[in-house]
Every structure is written in structure tokens, then in C-alpha cells.
């Protein structure tokens, strides 16, 4: 079932990530804004990545501190400061997303999405999709090229933007955590950005 989209009207922050705005701020440099970032809680009042990690770990029952320390740095700043969660949470979420994309299991992929999902089509038109709309349009949202991206996206491929989340391939996919220390979920799928990224890397189409 095709998804009917309306023309994009400027930037909008997802309800999911706005609710995640917690108490962290000021860790790491600000990265350039992308087409449609998903607003994400970042750690306010923390001065260094170590402070951000400490805040994140306090919210987790069993943090993987060695992994988080070793992998906190990302393009755009510290993962913990920019997103309000840890590298190990991103790694776990991405592993599940890769497995679902590799098997073509769209039902599991939908389980890795924060609803409503912000979907941007190839023409730049955007729409918020609830569970029913996403299920009906899953073949369009999770196109073969998008599945290819999700199959190969790893922690080291992410860039972060403070208060907005983490993205891959020019913002073709954005992830954000709903609470401090939480598991990131997909908040934006942008097929226009995906096509632009593929055009910039023709060998990886």
C-alpha cells in the first residue's frame, strides 16, 4: 500500500525524542545539522564525556563501562553527551537492526522503530507514521536500498548531533533514545537522503 505524504514544512522534532530531553548539556562539539534530525535528549550540566557517561550509567542497571569508554567518541562529539545514552546501547540496537534487515524481517524492524516514525520520501515529502501506517507501507519505507543500508550500519558509521541523535548516510536513518541510558530506536527514515548518499558513493549502491 503506497504511503501518501504531504510536502515537508521545515524542521520538526519527533515527539519520542522531545520526551527524552533529560538533564545533560554541553558535552562535545556541535555537528552540522542534517536535513531532518530527530531531537534527542542530551546530558545537561555535564562538562566532559566522563561526566556524561557517569550520568548515563547511573540510569542503567548493568552498564558496559569498558565498551562505553572505548567507543564513546564519534563524528560530532561524544555519544553519551550528544544522545543521552551509551555506545553499548547503540551497538546492541544496531546489531538487532542488521539481523532483521538481513533476514528481511520487517515486523522485527518495526519493533526497532519509535512511533510515530518520521518518514521522508524520495521527493522530500514527509509524514508521521503510526504502527498501522508503517505496517501497511513497510515495503516502501524499508525499500531494498534502505535494507541494504541497515544491514551494513555499525557503530563506527554513526555521526551524532547534540540534542538531536545519531545518524548514518547523510541522515538516511536517525536513531534516538527515549530516556537517559535507554536503547536507541529508529526515529527517522529519509529516502531522499539515502538516494543522495548513494549518488555520492556510486560504488556502494
Protein backbone atom coordinates (compact mmCIF):
# COMPACT_ATOMS: atom_id res chain seq x y z
CA UNK A 1 0.00 0.00 0.00
CA UNK A 2 1.64 3.28 -1.03
CA UNK A 3 2.18 5.93 1.61
CA UNK A 4 0.52 9.25 0.93
CA UNK A 5 2.86 12.01 2.04
CA UNK A 6 2.48 15.75 2.37
CA UNK A 7 5.13 18.33 1.40
CA UNK A 8 7.77 18.95 4.05
CA UNK A 9 7.36 22.17 6.00
CA UNK A 10 10.64 22.88 7.73
CA UNK A 11 12.23 21.15 10.71
CA UNK A 12 10.22 19.19 13.25
CA UNK A 13 11.34 17.39 16.35
CA UNK A 14 9.86 13.99 16.99
CA UNK A 15 7.56 13.57 19.99
CA UNK A 16 9.52 10.48 21.02
CA UNK A 17 12.77 12.35 21.36
CA UNK A 18 11.34 15.54 22.82
CA UNK A 19 10.14 13.43 25.76
CA UNK A 20 13.71 12.21 26.17
CA UNK A 21 15.11 15.69 26.91
CA UNK A 22 16.77 14.93 30.20
CA UNK A 23 19.16 16.63 32.35
CA UNK A 24 22.55 16.56 30.36
CA UNK A 25 24.15 19.69 28.33
CA UNK A 26 27.29 20.83 26.87
CA UNK A 27 29.42 17.72 26.15
CA UNK A 28 31.28 17.69 22.88
CA UNK A 29 31.22 19.99 19.85
CA UNK A 30 28.08 20.58 17.85
CA UNK A 31 27.97 18.81 14.49
CA UNK A 32 26.48 20.34 11.35
CA UNK A 33 22.71 20.00 11.20
CA UNK A 34 21.36 17.45 8.74
CA UNK A 35 18.16 17.55 6.70
CA UNK A 36 15.78 16.19 9.32
CA UNK A 37 17.35 15.45 12.66
CA UNK A 38 15.34 13.77 15.35
CA UNK A 39 15.55 15.78 18.55
CA UNK A 40 17.15 13.78 21.31
CA UNK A 41 17.78 14.26 24.99
CA UNK A 42 21.38 15.05 25.75
CA UNK A 43 23.10 15.34 29.06
CA UNK A 44 22.61 18.79 30.57
CA UNK A 45 25.04 20.06 33.15
CA UNK A 46 27.84 17.62 32.29
CA UNK A 47 31.17 19.19 31.39
CA UNK A 48 33.12 16.25 29.94
CA UNK A 49 32.42 12.90 28.28
CA UNK A 50 33.35 11.25 31.57
CA UNK A 51 30.61 13.25 33.30
CA UNK A 52 28.13 12.32 30.56
CA UNK A 53 28.99 8.63 30.86
CA UNK A 54 28.58 8.79 34.63
CA UNK A 55 25.08 10.25 34.20
CA UNK A 56 24.16 7.63 31.62
CA UNK A 57 25.49 4.74 33.70
CA UNK A 58 23.50 5.88 36.74
CA UNK A 59 20.36 5.27 34.68
CA UNK A 60 21.40 1.74 33.62
CA UNK A 61 21.10 -1.44 35.64
CA UNK A 62 24.22 -3.12 34.21
CA UNK A 63 26.32 -0.68 32.14
CA UNK A 64 29.14 -1.98 29.98
CA UNK A 65 31.65 0.58 31.17
CA UNK A 66 34.78 -0.67 29.36
CA UNK A 67 32.98 -0.80 26.00
CA UNK A 68 31.31 2.58 26.53
CA UNK A 69 34.58 4.29 27.42
CA UNK A 70 36.36 2.77 24.42
CA UNK A 71 33.63 3.68 21.92
CA UNK A 72 32.15 6.94 23.21
CA UNK A 73 33.91 9.14 20.63
CA UNK A 74 32.03 9.65 17.36
CA UNK A 75 31.95 12.07 14.49
CA UNK A 76 30.30 15.14 16.02
CA UNK A 77 31.20 14.52 19.64
CA UNK A 78 30.74 12.05 22.48
CA UNK A 79 27.87 9.62 22.01
CA UNK A 80 26.93 9.85 25.68
CA UNK A 81 26.78 13.64 25.71
CA UNK A 82 25.01 14.08 22.38
CA UNK A 83 22.42 11.32 22.72
CA UNK A 84 21.98 10.71 26.44
CA UNK A 85 22.79 7.03 26.15
CA UNK A 86 25.81 4.79 25.67
CA UNK A 87 27.75 3.26 22.82
CA UNK A 88 26.86 -0.25 24.03
CA UNK A 89 23.16 0.57 23.75
CA UNK A 90 23.67 1.77 20.17
CA UNK A 91 25.76 -1.31 19.34
CA UNK A 92 23.04 -3.61 20.68
CA UNK A 93 20.27 -1.82 18.79
CA UNK A 94 22.26 -1.77 15.54
CA UNK A 95 23.05 -5.48 15.82
CA UNK A 96 19.33 -6.27 16.09
CA UNK A 97 18.54 -3.93 13.19
CA UNK A 98 21.24 -5.52 11.00
CA UNK A 99 19.93 -9.01 11.73
CA UNK A 100 16.33 -8.05 10.95
CA UNK A 101 17.35 -6.27 7.74
CA UNK A 102 19.48 -9.21 6.65
CA UNK A 103 16.54 -11.60 7.02
CA UNK A 104 14.02 -9.15 5.57
CA UNK A 105 12.03 -9.36 8.80
CA UNK A 106 10.07 -6.12 8.58
CA UNK A 107 7.95 -6.93 11.64
CA UNK A 108 11.10 -7.03 13.77
CA UNK A 109 12.36 -3.84 12.15
CA UNK A 110 9.10 -2.13 13.08
CA UNK A 111 9.81 -3.21 16.64
CA UNK A 112 13.04 -1.20 16.47
CA UNK A 113 11.16 1.97 15.48
CA UNK A 114 9.99 4.75 17.80
CA UNK A 115 6.45 5.66 16.86
CA UNK A 116 5.38 7.77 15.20
CA UNK A 117 8.18 7.34 12.66
CA UNK A 118 9.12 10.39 10.63
CA UNK A 119 9.21 9.12 7.03
CA UNK A 120 10.62 11.30 4.23
CA UNK A 121 10.08 10.02 0.71
CA UNK A 122 12.35 10.34 -2.32
CA UNK A 123 10.84 13.74 -3.18
CA UNK A 124 11.43 15.16 0.29
CA UNK A 125 7.80 14.92 1.37
CA UNK A 126 7.34 13.83 4.96
CA UNK A 127 4.76 12.09 7.06
CA UNK A 128 4.49 10.74 10.58
CA UNK A 129 3.59 7.06 10.51
CA UNK A 130 1.85 5.26 13.35
CA UNK A 131 2.10 1.48 13.72
CA UNK A 132 -0.75 0.72 11.32
CA UNK A 133 0.53 3.10 8.62
CA UNK A 134 4.08 1.81 9.00
CA UNK A 135 2.96 -1.81 8.76
CA UNK A 136 0.89 -1.03 5.66
CA UNK A 137 3.75 0.84 3.99
CA UNK A 138 6.66 -1.27 5.27
CA UNK A 139 7.75 -2.33 1.78
CA UNK A 140 8.03 1.32 0.78
CA UNK A 141 9.70 2.55 3.97
CA UNK A 142 12.11 -0.40 4.15
CA UNK A 143 12.97 -0.40 0.46
CA UNK A 144 15.73 -2.71 -0.85
CA UNK A 145 18.22 0.15 -0.73
CA UNK A 146 17.19 1.06 2.84
CA UNK A 147 17.51 -2.58 3.90
CA UNK A 148 20.99 -2.62 2.37
CA UNK A 149 21.94 0.40 4.47
CA UNK A 150 20.51 -1.11 7.65
CA UNK A 151 22.34 -4.40 7.01
CA UNK A 152 25.71 -2.68 6.99
CA UNK A 153 25.34 0.17 9.51
CA UNK A 154 27.60 -0.23 12.52
CA UNK A 155 28.50 1.91 15.50
CA UNK A 156 31.54 3.40 13.75
CA UNK A 157 29.33 4.62 10.88
CA UNK A 158 27.29 6.94 13.10
CA UNK A 159 27.62 10.69 13.48
CA UNK A 160 26.00 12.47 16.41
CA UNK A 161 24.33 15.85 16.80
CA UNK A 162 23.76 17.15 20.34
CA UNK A 163 20.07 17.20 21.30
CA UNK A 164 19.14 15.51 18.02
CA UNK A 165 20.51 11.96 17.96
CA UNK A 166 22.73 9.82 15.76
CA UNK A 167 22.55 9.36 12.01
CA UNK A 168 24.13 7.45 9.14
CA UNK A 169 24.46 8.12 5.40
CA UNK A 170 23.66 11.87 5.30
CA UNK A 171 20.70 11.35 7.62
CA UNK A 172 19.06 8.49 5.73
CA UNK A 173 18.40 6.92 9.13
CA UNK A 174 18.31 8.63 12.54
CA UNK A 175 18.26 6.92 15.93
CA UNK A 176 17.48 8.38 19.34
CA UNK A 177 16.93 7.09 22.86
CA UNK A 178 13.64 7.76 24.62
CA UNK A 179 15.25 8.17 28.03
CA UNK A 180 18.67 8.67 29.55
CA UNK A 181 20.63 5.45 29.25
CA UNK A 182 17.94 3.81 27.13
CA UNK A 183 18.01 1.75 23.96
CA UNK A 184 18.02 3.86 20.78
CA UNK A 185 15.31 3.32 18.21
CA UNK A 186 14.87 4.44 14.63
CA UNK A 187 13.09 7.80 14.64
CA UNK A 188 13.54 8.95 11.04
CA UNK A 189 13.79 7.20 7.67
CA UNK A 190 14.77 9.60 4.89
CA UNK A 191 14.81 8.04 1.43
CA UNK A 192 15.76 11.32 -0.25
CA UNK A 193 18.93 11.48 1.85
CA UNK A 194 19.51 7.79 1.12
CA UNK A 195 19.46 8.45 -2.62
CA UNK A 196 21.81 11.42 -2.21
CA UNK A 197 24.21 9.28 -0.19
CA UNK A 198 24.11 6.55 -2.86
CA UNK A 199 24.80 9.12 -5.59
CA UNK A 200 27.82 10.35 -3.64
CA UNK A 201 29.13 6.76 -3.32
CA UNK A 202 28.15 5.07 -6.62
CA UNK A 203 30.35 2.07 -5.90
CA UNK A 204 28.20 1.20 -2.84
CA UNK A 205 24.77 1.29 -4.50
